[in-house]
């Protein structure tokens, strides 16, 4: 492929035709055993209609010994949604 062909292809605008998501896994460190535990995730949804963030705990997290909920996210069975990234 010639360099001019690559340049023309890269210069074309890209239409957003489908939803996009990005996921961040949230871990917590047990203070007694120093082990890390996957407790939930933050998902960023992006679509032509807008964008938003969701945080949710894993279903089994409440059963883990010594686990403390994240301040502001007290209910483990809820999905928290915001148009901005969550802050304290």
Protein backbone atom coordinates (compact mmCIF):
# COMPACT_ATOMS: atom_id res chain seq x y z
CA UNK A 1 0.00 0.00 0.00
CA UNK A 2 1.43 3.37 -0.94
CA UNK A 3 1.89 6.19 1.53
CA UNK A 4 -0.64 8.40 -0.27
CA UNK A 5 -3.33 5.70 0.01
CA UNK A 6 -2.71 5.38 3.76
CA UNK A 7 -2.93 9.14 4.21
CA UNK A 8 -6.24 9.40 2.33
CA UNK A 9 -7.77 6.57 4.35
CA UNK A 10 -6.68 8.08 7.67
CA UNK A 11 -8.02 11.52 6.75
CA UNK A 12 -11.60 10.31 6.21
CA UNK A 13 -13.95 11.28 9.03
CA UNK A 14 -15.28 8.34 11.02
CA UNK A 15 -19.00 8.25 11.69
CA UNK A 16 -20.17 7.04 15.09
CA UNK A 17 -22.80 4.47 14.29
CA UNK A 18 -22.78 2.28 17.38
CA UNK A 19 -22.59 2.57 21.12
CA UNK A 20 -19.22 2.36 22.85
CA UNK A 21 -18.42 1.30 26.38
CA UNK A 22 -15.29 1.40 28.50
CA UNK A 23 -15.06 -0.54 31.76
CA UNK A 24 -12.86 0.11 34.79
CA UNK A 25 -12.67 -2.70 37.33
CA UNK A 26 -12.68 -1.59 40.97
CA UNK A 27 -10.60 -3.52 43.52
CA UNK A 28 -10.39 -3.25 47.31
CA UNK A 29 -7.46 -4.34 49.47
CA UNK A 30 -8.29 -6.34 52.57
CA UNK A 31 -6.37 -4.60 55.40
CA UNK A 32 -5.86 -7.78 57.39
CA UNK A 33 -4.76 -10.24 54.71
CA UNK A 34 -3.38 -7.67 52.21
CA UNK A 35 -5.23 -9.47 49.43
CA UNK A 36 -7.04 -7.63 46.65
CA UNK A 37 -10.69 -8.31 45.94
CA UNK A 38 -12.61 -7.32 42.83
CA UNK A 39 -15.63 -5.44 44.23
CA UNK A 40 -17.30 -3.76 41.24
CA UNK A 41 -16.93 -1.77 38.07
CA UNK A 42 -17.40 1.67 36.59
CA UNK A 43 -18.69 1.62 33.02
CA UNK A 44 -18.62 4.60 30.65
CA UNK A 45 -21.35 4.42 28.00
CA UNK A 46 -21.06 6.59 24.90
CA UNK A 47 -23.65 6.73 22.15
CA UNK A 48 -25.02 9.24 19.65
CA UNK A 49 -27.68 10.09 22.28
CA UNK A 50 -25.13 11.08 24.95
CA UNK A 51 -22.86 9.59 27.56
CA UNK A 52 -23.10 8.46 31.17
CA UNK A 53 -21.29 6.47 33.85
CA UNK A 54 -22.52 3.57 35.97
CA UNK A 55 -21.03 2.04 39.11
CA UNK A 56 -22.18 -1.28 40.51
CA UNK A 57 -20.86 -3.73 43.06
CA UNK A 58 -20.38 -7.41 42.24
CA UNK A 59 -23.25 -9.52 43.52
CA UNK A 60 -21.14 -11.46 46.03
CA UNK A 61 -19.25 -8.50 47.54
CA UNK A 62 -21.47 -8.07 50.63
CA UNK A 63 -20.53 -11.58 51.80
CA UNK A 64 -16.79 -10.85 51.91
CA UNK A 65 -15.25 -10.59 55.37
CA UNK A 66 -14.19 -7.14 56.55
CA UNK A 67 -15.45 -5.45 53.39
CA UNK A 68 -16.47 -1.80 53.85
CA UNK A 69 -18.64 -0.06 51.27
CA UNK A 70 -17.29 2.91 49.33
CA UNK A 71 -18.54 6.20 50.87
CA UNK A 72 -21.46 7.50 48.81
CA UNK A 73 -22.16 4.04 47.39
CA UNK A 74 -23.74 2.48 50.45
CA UNK A 75 -26.22 0.07 48.85
CA UNK A 76 -24.60 -2.93 47.22
CA UNK A 77 -27.71 -3.90 45.26
CA UNK A 78 -28.09 -0.57 43.38
CA UNK A 79 -26.65 0.59 40.07
CA UNK A 80 -25.45 4.18 40.44
CA UNK A 81 -25.75 6.28 37.26
CA UNK A 82 -24.43 9.78 36.54
CA UNK A 83 -23.83 12.02 33.52
CA UNK A 84 -20.45 12.91 35.10
CA UNK A 85 -17.76 10.71 36.54
CA UNK A 86 -18.56 10.10 40.20
CA UNK A 87 -16.88 12.26 42.80
CA UNK A 88 -16.90 12.45 46.60
